[in-house]
Amino acid sequence: MITVHHLNRSRSHRILWLLEELEQPYSIHHYIRDAETNLAPPELALVHPLGKSPMIEIDGTLVVESAAIVETLCARFAPEMIPERDTPAYLRHLELMHFAEGSAMTPILLNLYVSRLGDAGKPLHPRITSELDNHYRYMNSVVRPSGHFVQDQLSAADIMLSFPAEIAIRQGRGSDFPALSGFVEMIQNRPAYQRATERGAPEAEKSE
């Protein structure tokens, strides 16, 4: 059994989605963000010093970092979701797996934190907006005609890029980046994605 340390409204949703796609049994240890600060609870730091989600336990080993988790699960249960090594597709896979948590998330997080500064953060917004546009434009440009990244069926890169792509759409950028909008619509309509959303929701949200 795989255990997912899952924080609500976080990047760990894509790990639940992947496990549903893989049809692997798993349990969820739920963690809820602080209602005032929106920060993860201190209990996560008891699992790993960084106190972040996602984390999984598999075969008695704790694995952290989204890309490492996705790579581990795909390599074991669905190797077809990773292109063959020494191919151009594999190089693109590596680039986009790192891009998803490296380049793409930097302006997204800056936008989140600087927005909380009010007027003090205004001088930074033009640069942040420029970087958001640049990264979303790049993502939009590398969506394949099939609607996927890297391969013409679901791959590890699709799992990783789902989070920044969904943020772009939540920011109202769907009309600016139609390929990204189509990608998000496609993945959210997948039964496995919907099952993950249901399983990952805190009990309080399910009862609303």
N, C-alpha and C. Protein backbone atom coordinates (compact mmCIF):
# COMPACT_ATOMS: atom_id res chain seq x y z
N MET A 1 0.84 -1.20 0.00
CA MET A 1 0.00 0.00 0.00
C MET A 1 0.88 1.25 0.00
N ILE A 2 0.52 2.20 -0.82
CA ILE A 2 1.19 3.49 -0.88
C ILE A 2 0.42 4.48 -0.02
N THR A 3 1.13 5.26 0.76
CA THR A 3 0.51 6.32 1.57
C THR A 3 0.91 7.66 1.01
N VAL A 4 -0.07 8.52 0.78
CA VAL A 4 0.18 9.87 0.29
C VAL A 4 -0.07 10.85 1.43
N HIS A 5 0.92 11.67 1.73
CA HIS A 5 0.74 12.77 2.69
C HIS A 5 0.24 13.96 1.87
N HIS A 6 -1.05 14.18 1.99
CA HIS A 6 -1.76 15.09 1.07
C HIS A 6 -2.23 16.35 1.79
N LEU A 7 -1.82 17.49 1.28
CA LEU A 7 -2.25 18.80 1.79
C LEU A 7 -3.34 19.33 0.87
N ASN A 8 -4.44 19.79 1.44
CA ASN A 8 -5.52 20.33 0.61
C ASN A 8 -5.05 21.56 -0.17
N ARG A 9 -5.62 21.74 -1.34
CA ARG A 9 -5.31 22.86 -2.24
C ARG A 9 -3.79 22.96 -2.48
N SER A 10 -3.20 21.87 -2.89
CA SER A 10 -1.75 21.86 -3.10
C SER A 10 -1.38 21.01 -4.30
N ARG A 11 -0.08 20.98 -4.57
CA ARG A 11 0.44 20.22 -5.69
C ARG A 11 0.33 18.71 -5.49
N SER A 12 -0.04 18.28 -4.30
CA SER A 12 -0.16 16.84 -4.09
C SER A 12 -1.38 16.25 -4.78
N HIS A 13 -2.31 17.10 -5.24
CA HIS A 13 -3.46 16.58 -5.97
C HIS A 13 -3.02 15.78 -7.19
N ARG A 14 -1.97 16.24 -7.86
CA ARG A 14 -1.56 15.54 -9.08
C ARG A 14 -0.99 14.15 -8.76
N ILE A 15 -0.51 13.94 -7.54
CA ILE A 15 -0.04 12.60 -7.16
C ILE A 15 -1.24 11.68 -6.97
N LEU A 16 -2.30 12.18 -6.36
CA LEU A 16 -3.53 11.40 -6.24
C LEU A 16 -4.06 11.06 -7.63
N TRP A 17 -4.05 12.05 -8.52
CA TRP A 17 -4.52 11.82 -9.89
C TRP A 17 -3.70 10.72 -10.57
N LEU A 18 -2.38 10.81 -10.44
CA LEU A 18 -1.52 9.80 -11.07
C LEU A 18 -1.84 8.41 -10.52
N LEU A 19 -2.00 8.28 -9.22
CA LEU A 19 -2.28 6.98 -8.62
C LEU A 19 -3.63 6.44 -9.10
N GLU A 20 -4.59 7.33 -9.30
CA GLU A 20 -5.88 6.89 -9.85
C GLU A 20 -5.71 6.42 -11.29
N GLU A 21 -4.90 7.13 -12.06
CA GLU A 21 -4.64 6.70 -13.44
C GLU A 21 -3.95 5.34 -13.46
N LEU A 22 -3.06 5.12 -12.51
CA LEU A 22 -2.30 3.87 -12.45
C LEU A 22 -3.12 2.73 -11.84
N GLU A 23 -4.27 3.07 -11.25
CA GLU A 23 -5.14 2.10 -10.59
C GLU A 23 -4.39 1.34 -9.50
N GLN A 24 -3.56 2.09 -8.77
CA GLN A 24 -2.82 1.52 -7.65
C GLN A 24 -3.53 1.84 -6.34
N PRO A 25 -3.64 0.87 -5.44
CA PRO A 25 -4.26 1.15 -4.15
C PRO A 25 -3.38 2.10 -3.32
N TYR A 26 -4.01 3.02 -2.62
CA TYR A 26 -3.25 3.95 -1.78
C TYR A 26 -4.15 4.46 -0.67
N SER A 27 -3.51 4.91 0.37
CA SER A 27 -4.23 5.57 1.46
C SER A 27 -3.77 7.02 1.52
N ILE A 28 -4.59 7.84 2.12
CA ILE A 28 -4.30 9.27 2.21
C ILE A 28 -4.21 9.69 3.67
N HIS A 29 -3.13 10.38 4.00
CA HIS A 29 -3.02 11.06 5.29
C HIS A 29 -3.29 12.53 5.01
N HIS A 30 -4.46 13.01 5.43
CA HIS A 30 -4.89 14.37 5.11
C HIS A 30 -4.26 15.40 6.06
N TYR A 31 -3.89 16.54 5.48
CA TYR A 31 -3.42 17.69 6.23
C TYR A 31 -4.20 18.91 5.72
N ILE A 32 -4.58 19.80 6.63
CA ILE A 32 -5.41 20.94 6.28
C ILE A 32 -4.64 22.23 6.52
N ARG A 33 -4.69 23.12 5.54
CA ARG A 33 -4.03 24.42 5.67
C ARG A 33 -4.67 25.25 6.79
N ASP A 34 -3.86 26.07 7.41
CA ASP A 34 -4.36 27.00 8.42
C ASP A 34 -5.32 27.98 7.77
N ALA A 35 -6.49 28.17 8.36
CA ALA A 35 -7.53 29.01 7.77
C ALA A 35 -7.11 30.47 7.64
N GLU A 36 -6.23 30.94 8.52
CA GLU A 36 -5.82 32.34 8.48
C GLU A 36 -4.55 32.56 7.67
N THR A 37 -3.56 31.73 7.86
CA THR A 37 -2.27 31.94 7.18
C THR A 37 -2.17 31.20 5.86
N ASN A 38 -3.01 30.20 5.66
CA ASN A 38 -2.97 29.33 4.47
C ASN A 38 -1.73 28.44 4.44
N LEU A 39 -1.00 28.39 5.53
CA LEU A 39 0.21 27.58 5.59
C LEU A 39 -0.11 26.13 5.95
N ALA A 40 0.81 25.25 5.60
CA ALA A 40 0.66 23.84 5.96
C ALA A 40 0.77 23.69 7.47
N PRO A 41 0.12 22.69 8.04
CA PRO A 41 0.18 22.50 9.49
C PRO A 41 1.56 21.97 9.91
N PRO A 42 1.96 22.20 11.16
CA PRO A 42 3.27 21.75 11.62
C PRO A 42 3.44 20.24 11.62
N GLU A 43 2.34 19.49 11.58
CA GLU A 43 2.43 18.03 11.59
C GLU A 43 3.20 17.50 10.38
N LEU A 44 3.16 18.22 9.26
CA LEU A 44 3.90 17.76 8.08
C LEU A 44 5.40 17.74 8.33
N ALA A 45 5.88 18.66 9.16
CA ALA A 45 7.31 18.72 9.46
C ALA A 45 7.75 17.53 10.32
N LEU A 46 6.81 16.84 10.92
CA LEU A 46 7.14 15.64 11.68
C LEU A 46 7.41 14.46 10.75
N VAL A 47 6.92 14.56 9.52
CA VAL A 47 7.15 13.52 8.53
C VAL A 47 8.47 13.75 7.80
N HIS A 48 8.72 15.01 7.44
CA HIS A 48 9.97 15.39 6.75
C HIS A 48 10.30 16.82 7.19
N PRO A 49 11.59 17.13 7.38
CA PRO A 49 11.97 18.45 7.90
C PRO A 49 11.45 19.63 7.08
N LEU A 50 11.24 19.45 5.78
CA LEU A 50 10.74 20.56 4.97
C LEU A 50 9.27 20.86 5.24
N GLY A 51 8.55 19.90 5.75
CA GLY A 51 7.15 20.13 6.10
C GLY A 51 6.27 20.47 4.92
N LYS A 52 6.55 19.84 3.76
CA LYS A 52 5.80 20.15 2.54
C LYS A 52 5.13 18.92 1.99
N SER A 53 4.11 19.15 1.19
CA SER A 53 3.40 18.08 0.50
C SER A 53 3.51 18.35 -1.00
N PRO A 54 3.61 17.30 -1.82
CA PRO A 54 3.35 15.91 -1.52
C PRO A 54 4.56 15.15 -1.00
N MET A 55 4.24 14.08 -0.29
CA MET A 55 5.21 13.07 0.09
C MET A 55 4.48 11.73 -0.01
N ILE A 56 5.21 10.69 -0.38
CA ILE A 56 4.61 9.37 -0.35
C ILE A 56 5.51 8.42 0.41
N GLU A 57 4.89 7.41 0.97
CA GLU A 57 5.62 6.29 1.56
C GLU A 57 5.34 5.08 0.69
N ILE A 58 6.40 4.44 0.22
CA ILE A 58 6.27 3.27 -0.63
C ILE A 58 7.37 2.28 -0.27
N ASP A 59 7.00 1.07 0.02
CA ASP A 59 7.94 0.02 0.43
C ASP A 59 8.79 0.47 1.62
N GLY A 60 8.18 1.21 2.54
CA GLY A 60 8.88 1.65 3.74
C GLY A 60 9.81 2.82 3.53
N THR A 61 9.79 3.42 2.33
CA THR A 61 10.67 4.54 2.02
C THR A 61 9.85 5.80 1.79
N LEU A 62 10.29 6.91 2.36
CA LEU A 62 9.64 8.19 2.14
C LEU A 62 10.25 8.86 0.91
N VAL A 63 9.40 9.27 -0.01
CA VAL A 63 9.84 9.97 -1.22
C VAL A 63 9.21 11.35 -1.23
N VAL A 64 10.03 12.38 -1.40
CA VAL A 64 9.54 13.76 -1.45
C VAL A 64 9.87 14.37 -2.80
N GLU A 65 9.29 15.53 -3.07
CA GLU A 65 9.42 16.28 -4.32
C GLU A 65 8.57 15.66 -5.42
N SER A 66 7.69 16.49 -5.98
CA SER A 66 6.70 16.02 -6.95
C SER A 66 7.31 15.25 -8.11
N ALA A 67 8.34 15.81 -8.73
CA ALA A 67 8.92 15.16 -9.91
C ALA A 67 9.53 13.81 -9.55
N ALA A 68 10.17 13.72 -8.41
CA ALA A 68 10.75 12.44 -7.98
C ALA A 68 9.66 11.42 -7.73
N ILE A 69 8.55 11.86 -7.15
CA ILE A 69 7.44 10.95 -6.88
C ILE A 69 6.82 10.46 -8.19
N VAL A 70 6.57 11.40 -9.11
CA VAL A 70 5.98 11.03 -10.39
C VAL A 70 6.89 10.07 -11.16
N GLU A 71 8.17 10.38 -11.18
CA GLU A 71 9.12 9.52 -11.90
C GLU A 71 9.16 8.13 -11.26
N THR A 72 9.17 8.07 -9.94
CA THR A 72 9.21 6.79 -9.23
C THR A 72 7.99 5.95 -9.55
N LEU A 73 6.81 6.55 -9.47
CA LEU A 73 5.57 5.81 -9.70
C LEU A 73 5.43 5.36 -11.15
N CYS A 74 5.77 6.25 -12.07
CA CYS A 74 5.65 5.89 -13.49
C CYS A 74 6.65 4.80 -13.87
N ALA A 75 7.88 4.92 -13.39
CA ALA A 75 8.90 3.92 -13.72
C ALA A 75 8.49 2.54 -13.21
N ARG A 76 7.81 2.48 -12.07
CA ARG A 76 7.45 1.19 -11.50
C ARG A 76 6.16 0.62 -12.08
N PHE A 77 5.15 1.48 -12.25
CA PHE A 77 3.83 0.97 -12.58
C PHE A 77 3.38 1.26 -14.01
N ALA A 78 4.00 2.22 -14.68
CA ALA A 78 3.57 2.58 -16.04
C ALA A 78 4.75 3.15 -16.81
N PRO A 79 5.74 2.32 -17.14
CA PRO A 79 6.93 2.83 -17.84
C PRO A 79 6.61 3.48 -19.17
N GLU A 80 5.45 3.16 -19.75
CA GLU A 80 5.08 3.79 -21.02
C GLU A 80 4.81 5.29 -20.86
N MET A 81 4.65 5.75 -19.62
CA MET A 81 4.44 7.18 -19.40
C MET A 81 5.73 7.98 -19.40
N ILE A 82 6.86 7.30 -19.57
CA ILE A 82 8.17 7.95 -19.68
C ILE A 82 8.77 7.52 -21.02
N PRO A 83 9.16 8.45 -21.89
CA PRO A 83 9.73 8.06 -23.19
C PRO A 83 11.01 7.24 -23.02
N GLU A 84 11.34 6.49 -24.04
CA GLU A 84 12.57 5.70 -24.01
C GLU A 84 13.78 6.61 -23.92
N ARG A 85 14.76 6.17 -23.15
CA ARG A 85 15.98 6.96 -22.99
C ARG A 85 16.71 7.08 -24.32
N ASP A 86 17.56 8.11 -24.39
CA ASP A 86 18.36 8.37 -25.58
C ASP A 86 17.50 8.68 -26.80
N THR A 87 16.34 9.30 -26.55
CA THR A 87 15.49 9.76 -27.65
C THR A 87 15.20 11.25 -27.44
N PRO A 88 14.87 11.98 -28.51
CA PRO A 88 14.50 13.40 -28.34
C PRO A 88 13.31 13.57 -27.38
N ALA A 89 12.37 12.62 -27.41
CA ALA A 89 11.21 12.72 -26.53
C ALA A 89 11.62 12.62 -25.07
N TYR A 90 12.63 11.79 -24.77
CA TYR A 90 13.09 11.67 -23.39
C TYR A 90 13.75 12.97 -22.92
N LEU A 91 14.51 13.60 -23.78
CA LEU A 91 15.12 14.88 -23.41
C LEU A 91 14.05 15.93 -23.15
N ARG A 92 13.00 15.95 -23.98
CA ARG A 92 11.91 16.90 -23.75
C ARG A 92 11.20 16.57 -22.44
N HIS A 93 11.05 15.28 -22.16
CA HIS A 93 10.47 14.84 -20.88
C HIS A 93 11.28 15.39 -19.70
N LEU A 94 12.59 15.24 -19.75
CA LEU A 94 13.43 15.75 -18.66
C LEU A 94 13.29 17.26 -18.52
N GLU A 95 13.32 17.96 -19.63
CA GLU A 95 13.21 19.42 -19.59
C GLU A 95 11.91 19.86 -18.93
N LEU A 96 10.80 19.26 -19.36
CA LEU A 96 9.50 19.70 -18.86
C LEU A 96 9.24 19.24 -17.43
N MET A 97 9.77 18.10 -17.05
CA MET A 97 9.63 17.67 -15.65
C MET A 97 10.30 18.67 -14.72
N HIS A 98 11.47 19.17 -15.10
CA HIS A 98 12.17 20.16 -14.27
C HIS A 98 11.56 21.55 -14.43
N PHE A 99 11.13 21.87 -15.63
CA PHE A 99 10.48 23.17 -15.88
C PHE A 99 9.26 23.35 -14.99
N ALA A 100 8.48 22.29 -14.82
CA ALA A 100 7.22 22.39 -14.09
C ALA A 100 7.39 22.89 -12.67
N GLU A 101 8.44 22.46 -11.99
CA GLU A 101 8.67 22.87 -10.61
C GLU A 101 9.76 23.93 -10.49
N GLY A 102 10.55 24.12 -11.53
CA GLY A 102 11.62 25.11 -11.48
C GLY A 102 11.18 26.43 -12.08
N SER A 103 11.30 26.56 -13.37
CA SER A 103 11.00 27.82 -14.05
C SER A 103 9.55 28.24 -13.89
N ALA A 104 8.60 27.32 -14.12
CA ALA A 104 7.19 27.70 -14.15
C ALA A 104 6.68 28.19 -12.80
N MET A 105 7.10 27.54 -11.72
CA MET A 105 6.55 27.88 -10.42
C MET A 105 7.14 29.15 -9.82
N THR A 106 8.30 29.58 -10.29
CA THR A 106 8.93 30.76 -9.70
C THR A 106 8.06 32.01 -9.81
N PRO A 107 7.62 32.43 -11.02
CA PRO A 107 6.77 33.62 -11.08
C PRO A 107 5.39 33.40 -10.48
N ILE A 108 4.89 32.16 -10.52
CA ILE A 108 3.59 31.88 -9.90
C ILE A 108 3.64 32.14 -8.40
N LEU A 109 4.69 31.66 -7.74
CA LEU A 109 4.82 31.88 -6.30
C LEU A 109 5.12 33.34 -5.98
N LEU A 110 5.96 33.97 -6.81
CA LEU A 110 6.23 35.40 -6.59
C LEU A 110 4.96 36.21 -6.69
N ASN A 111 4.12 35.88 -7.66
CA ASN A 111 2.87 36.60 -7.82
C ASN A 111 1.98 36.43 -6.59
N LEU A 112 1.95 35.21 -6.06
CA LEU A 112 1.14 34.94 -4.87
C LEU A 112 1.62 35.75 -3.67
N TYR A 113 2.92 35.70 -3.40
CA TYR A 113 3.44 36.35 -2.20
C TYR A 113 3.48 37.87 -2.32
N VAL A 114 3.86 38.37 -3.49
CA VAL A 114 3.95 39.82 -3.67
C VAL A 114 2.56 40.44 -3.64
N SER A 115 1.55 39.71 -4.09
CA SER A 115 0.19 40.24 -4.06
C SER A 115 -0.28 40.53 -2.64
N ARG A 116 0.31 39.83 -1.68
CA ARG A 116 -0.07 40.04 -0.28
C ARG A 116 0.56 41.29 0.32
N LEU A 117 1.48 41.91 -0.42
CA LEU A 117 2.16 43.10 0.09
C LEU A 117 1.39 44.38 -0.17
N GLY A 118 0.32 44.31 -0.95
CA GLY A 118 -0.45 45.51 -1.25
C GLY A 118 0.36 46.50 -2.08
N ASP A 119 0.27 47.77 -1.71
CA ASP A 119 0.96 48.82 -2.45
C ASP A 119 2.47 48.63 -2.46
N ALA A 120 3.01 48.02 -1.42
CA ALA A 120 4.47 47.84 -1.36
C ALA A 120 4.98 46.92 -2.47
N GLY A 121 4.10 46.05 -2.96
CA GLY A 121 4.52 45.12 -3.98
C GLY A 121 4.29 45.59 -5.41
N LYS A 122 3.64 46.74 -5.58
CA LYS A 122 3.28 47.20 -6.92
C LYS A 122 4.46 47.33 -7.88
N PRO A 123 5.61 47.84 -7.43
CA PRO A 123 6.73 47.97 -8.38
C PRO A 123 7.20 46.64 -8.98
N LEU A 124 6.90 45.54 -8.30
CA LEU A 124 7.36 44.24 -8.79
C LEU A 124 6.39 43.58 -9.76
N HIS A 125 5.16 44.03 -9.78
CA HIS A 125 4.15 43.35 -10.57
C HIS A 125 4.41 43.34 -12.08
N PRO A 126 4.88 44.44 -12.68
CA PRO A 126 5.12 44.37 -14.13
C PRO A 126 6.12 43.28 -14.52
N ARG A 127 7.19 43.13 -13.75
CA ARG A 127 8.17 42.10 -14.05
C ARG A 127 7.59 40.71 -13.84
N ILE A 128 6.84 40.52 -12.76
CA ILE A 128 6.23 39.22 -12.49
C ILE A 128 5.23 38.86 -13.58
N THR A 129 4.41 39.83 -13.98
CA THR A 129 3.43 39.59 -15.04
C THR A 129 4.11 39.22 -16.34
N SER A 130 5.22 39.90 -16.65
CA SER A 130 5.99 39.58 -17.86
C SER A 130 6.50 38.15 -17.83
N GLU A 131 6.98 37.72 -16.67
CA GLU A 131 7.50 36.36 -16.55
C GLU A 131 6.37 35.32 -16.61
N LEU A 132 5.24 35.63 -16.01
CA LEU A 132 4.09 34.73 -16.12
C LEU A 132 3.69 34.55 -17.58
N ASP A 133 3.59 35.67 -18.30
CA ASP A 133 3.23 35.61 -19.72
C ASP A 133 4.23 34.77 -20.49
N ASN A 134 5.52 34.96 -20.21
CA ASN A 134 6.57 34.25 -20.92
C ASN A 134 6.46 32.74 -20.70
N HIS A 135 6.24 32.33 -19.46
CA HIS A 135 6.18 30.91 -19.15
C HIS A 135 4.88 30.28 -19.65
N TYR A 136 3.76 30.97 -19.51
CA TYR A 136 2.51 30.44 -20.03
C TYR A 136 2.56 30.33 -21.56
N ARG A 137 3.17 31.33 -22.20
CA ARG A 137 3.28 31.30 -23.66
C ARG A 137 4.10 30.10 -24.11
N TYR A 138 5.18 29.84 -23.39
CA TYR A 138 6.02 28.70 -23.74
C TYR A 138 5.24 27.40 -23.56
N MET A 139 4.56 27.24 -22.43
CA MET A 139 3.78 26.04 -22.21
C MET A 139 2.73 25.85 -23.30
N ASN A 140 2.06 26.93 -23.65
CA ASN A 140 1.04 26.87 -24.68
C ASN A 140 1.63 26.41 -26.01
N SER A 141 2.87 26.84 -26.29
CA SER A 141 3.49 26.54 -27.58
C SER A 141 3.94 25.09 -27.71
N VAL A 142 4.15 24.40 -26.59
CA VAL A 142 4.67 23.03 -26.67
C VAL A 142 3.59 21.97 -26.46
N VAL A 143 2.33 22.40 -26.34
CA VAL A 143 1.24 21.43 -26.32
C VAL A 143 1.13 20.82 -27.72
N ARG A 144 1.11 19.52 -27.80
CA ARG A 144 1.05 18.82 -29.08
C ARG A 144 -0.38 18.87 -29.66
N PRO A 145 -0.54 18.62 -30.95
CA PRO A 145 -1.89 18.60 -31.54
C PRO A 145 -2.83 17.64 -30.82
N SER A 146 -2.27 16.59 -30.21
CA SER A 146 -3.08 15.63 -29.46
C SER A 146 -3.61 16.21 -28.15
N GLY A 147 -3.08 17.38 -27.76
CA GLY A 147 -3.49 17.99 -26.50
C GLY A 147 -2.60 17.66 -25.33
N HIS A 148 -1.58 16.83 -25.56
CA HIS A 148 -0.65 16.42 -24.51
C HIS A 148 0.71 17.09 -24.69
N PHE A 149 1.53 16.95 -23.65
CA PHE A 149 2.93 17.34 -23.73
C PHE A 149 3.77 16.08 -23.98
N VAL A 150 4.81 16.19 -24.77
CA VAL A 150 5.81 15.14 -24.99
C VAL A 150 5.30 13.97 -25.82
N GLN A 151 4.27 13.26 -25.37
CA GLN A 151 3.74 12.12 -26.09
C GLN A 151 2.30 12.41 -26.50
N ASP A 152 1.73 11.52 -27.32
CA ASP A 152 0.35 11.71 -27.77
C ASP A 152 -0.64 10.94 -26.91
N GLN A 153 -0.21 10.55 -25.73
CA GLN A 153 -1.07 9.99 -24.70
C GLN A 153 -0.54 10.49 -23.36
N LEU A 154 -1.26 10.21 -22.31
CA LEU A 154 -0.89 10.73 -21.00
C LEU A 154 0.52 10.30 -20.63
N SER A 155 1.32 11.27 -20.18
CA SER A 155 2.70 10.97 -19.77
C SER A 155 3.00 11.66 -18.45
N ALA A 156 4.18 11.35 -17.92
CA ALA A 156 4.61 11.96 -16.66
C ALA A 156 4.64 13.48 -16.76
N ALA A 157 5.02 14.00 -17.91
CA ALA A 157 5.09 15.46 -18.07
C ALA A 157 3.71 16.09 -17.96
N ASP A 158 2.68 15.42 -18.46
CA ASP A 158 1.32 15.94 -18.32
C ASP A 158 0.93 16.05 -16.85
N ILE A 159 1.30 15.04 -16.08
CA ILE A 159 0.98 15.07 -14.64
C ILE A 159 1.65 16.27 -13.99
N MET A 160 2.93 16.47 -14.27
CA MET A 160 3.68 17.55 -13.63
C MET A 160 3.18 18.93 -14.07
N LEU A 161 2.88 19.08 -15.35
CA LEU A 161 2.51 20.40 -15.87
C LEU A 161 1.05 20.75 -15.59
N SER A 162 0.30 19.79 -15.07
CA SER A 162 -1.11 20.08 -14.79
C SER A 162 -1.26 21.21 -13.79
N PHE A 163 -0.38 21.28 -12.79
CA PHE A 163 -0.55 22.29 -11.75
C PHE A 163 -0.34 23.71 -12.28
N PRO A 164 0.80 24.04 -12.92
CA PRO A 164 0.93 25.40 -13.45
C PRO A 164 -0.08 25.71 -14.55
N ALA A 165 -0.48 24.71 -15.34
CA ALA A 165 -1.48 24.97 -16.38
C ALA A 165 -2.82 25.35 -15.76
N GLU A 166 -3.21 24.65 -14.70
CA GLU A 166 -4.47 24.97 -14.03
C GLU A 166 -4.43 26.35 -13.39
N ILE A 167 -3.28 26.73 -12.87
CA ILE A 167 -3.17 28.08 -12.29
C ILE A 167 -3.38 29.13 -13.37
N ALA A 168 -2.79 28.91 -14.54
CA ALA A 168 -2.97 29.87 -15.64
C ALA A 168 -4.44 30.05 -15.96
N ILE A 169 -5.19 28.96 -15.99
CA ILE A 169 -6.61 29.05 -16.31
C ILE A 169 -7.38 29.70 -15.17
N ARG A 170 -7.04 29.39 -13.93
CA ARG A 170 -7.71 30.03 -12.79
C ARG A 170 -7.44 31.52 -12.75
N GLN A 171 -6.32 31.94 -13.32
CA GLN A 171 -6.01 33.37 -13.40
C GLN A 171 -6.74 34.06 -14.55
N GLY A 172 -7.59 33.32 -15.24
CA GLY A 172 -8.38 33.90 -16.32
C GLY A 172 -7.64 34.04 -17.63
N ARG A 173 -6.60 33.21 -17.85
CA ARG A 173 -5.79 33.34 -19.05
C ARG A 173 -6.15 32.33 -20.14
N GLY A 174 -7.28 31.68 -20.01
CA GLY A 174 -7.66 30.66 -20.97
C GLY A 174 -7.75 31.17 -22.39
N SER A 175 -8.34 32.35 -22.58
CA SER A 175 -8.48 32.89 -23.94
C SER A 175 -7.14 33.30 -24.53
N ASP A 176 -6.18 33.64 -23.68
CA ASP A 176 -4.84 34.01 -24.15
C ASP A 176 -4.05 32.78 -24.57
N PHE A 177 -4.30 31.66 -23.93
CA PHE A 177 -3.52 30.45 -24.17
C PHE A 177 -4.48 29.28 -24.39
N PRO A 178 -5.08 29.21 -25.59
CA PRO A 178 -6.11 28.21 -25.84
C PRO A 178 -5.64 26.77 -25.77
N ALA A 179 -4.39 26.50 -26.12
CA ALA A 179 -3.89 25.13 -26.03
C ALA A 179 -3.82 24.68 -24.57
N LEU A 180 -3.38 25.58 -23.70
CA LEU A 180 -3.36 25.27 -22.27
C LEU A 180 -4.77 25.06 -21.74
N SER A 181 -5.69 25.90 -22.20
CA SER A 181 -7.08 25.77 -21.77
C SER A 181 -7.64 24.41 -22.19
N GLY A 182 -7.34 23.99 -23.41
CA GLY A 182 -7.79 22.69 -23.87
C GLY A 182 -7.18 21.54 -23.09
N PHE A 183 -5.90 21.69 -22.74
CA PHE A 183 -5.23 20.67 -21.94
C PHE A 183 -5.90 20.52 -20.59
N VAL A 184 -6.17 21.64 -19.93
CA VAL A 184 -6.80 21.60 -18.60
C VAL A 184 -8.19 21.00 -18.68
N GLU A 185 -8.96 21.39 -19.68
CA GLU A 185 -10.30 20.82 -19.84
C GLU A 185 -10.23 19.31 -20.04
N MET A 186 -9.26 18.87 -20.84
CA MET A 186 -9.12 17.44 -21.12
C MET A 186 -8.80 16.66 -19.86
N ILE A 187 -7.82 17.12 -19.09
CA ILE A 187 -7.42 16.34 -17.92
C ILE A 187 -8.50 16.36 -16.85
N GLN A 188 -9.19 17.48 -16.70
CA GLN A 188 -10.22 17.57 -15.66
C GLN A 188 -11.44 16.72 -15.98
N ASN A 189 -11.59 16.35 -17.25
CA ASN A 189 -12.69 15.49 -17.64
C ASN A 189 -12.36 14.00 -17.53
N ARG A 190 -11.11 13.69 -17.21
CA ARG A 190 -10.73 12.28 -17.08
C ARG A 190 -11.33 11.71 -15.80
N PRO A 191 -11.91 10.53 -15.86
CA PRO A 191 -12.50 9.92 -14.65
C PRO A 191 -11.50 9.79 -13.50
N ALA A 192 -10.25 9.46 -13.82
CA ALA A 192 -9.24 9.32 -12.75
C ALA A 192 -9.00 10.65 -12.05
N TYR A 193 -8.98 11.74 -12.81
CA TYR A 193 -8.79 13.07 -12.22
C TYR A 193 -9.96 13.38 -11.27
N GLN A 194 -11.16 13.08 -11.72
CA GLN A 194 -12.33 13.37 -10.90
C GLN A 194 -12.37 12.51 -9.64
N ARG A 195 -11.93 11.26 -9.75
CA ARG A 195 -11.87 10.42 -8.55
C ARG A 195 -10.84 10.98 -7.57
N ALA A 196 -9.71 11.45 -8.09
CA ALA A 196 -8.68 12.03 -7.22
C ALA A 196 -9.20 13.27 -6.50
N THR A 197 -9.95 14.09 -7.22
CA THR A 197 -10.51 15.30 -6.62
C THR A 197 -11.45 14.94 -5.47
N GLU A 198 -12.26 13.92 -5.68
CA GLU A 198 -13.20 13.49 -4.64
C GLU A 198 -12.45 12.91 -3.43
N ARG A 199 -11.48 12.06 -3.68
CA ARG A 199 -10.76 11.43 -2.57
C ARG A 199 -9.89 12.43 -1.82
N GLY A 200 -9.38 13.42 -2.52
CA GLY A 200 -8.47 14.35 -1.88
C GLY A 200 -9.13 15.46 -1.09
N ALA A 201 -10.43 15.66 -1.31
CA ALA A 201 -11.13 16.74 -0.62
C ALA A 201 -11.28 16.43 0.86
N PRO A 202 -11.02 17.42 1.74
CA PRO A 202 -11.26 17.19 3.17
C PRO A 202 -12.72 16.86 3.42
N GLU A 203 -12.98 16.13 4.48
CA GLU A 203 -14.35 15.73 4.78
C GLU A 203 -15.29 16.92 4.91
N ALA A 204 -14.76 18.03 5.46
CA ALA A 204 -15.59 19.23 5.64
C ALA A 204 -16.07 19.76 4.30
N GLU A 205 -15.21 19.69 3.26
CA GLU A 205 -15.59 20.18 1.94
C GLU A 205 -16.56 19.24 1.27
N LYS A 206 -16.43 17.93 1.51
CA LYS A 206 -17.31 16.96 0.89
C LYS A 206 -18.73 17.12 1.39
N SER A 207 -18.88 17.60 2.63
CA SER A 207 -20.22 17.70 3.22
C SER A 207 -20.90 19.01 2.91
N GLU A 208 -20.19 19.92 2.26
CA GLU A 208 -20.78 21.24 1.98
C GLU A 208 -21.80 21.15 0.85
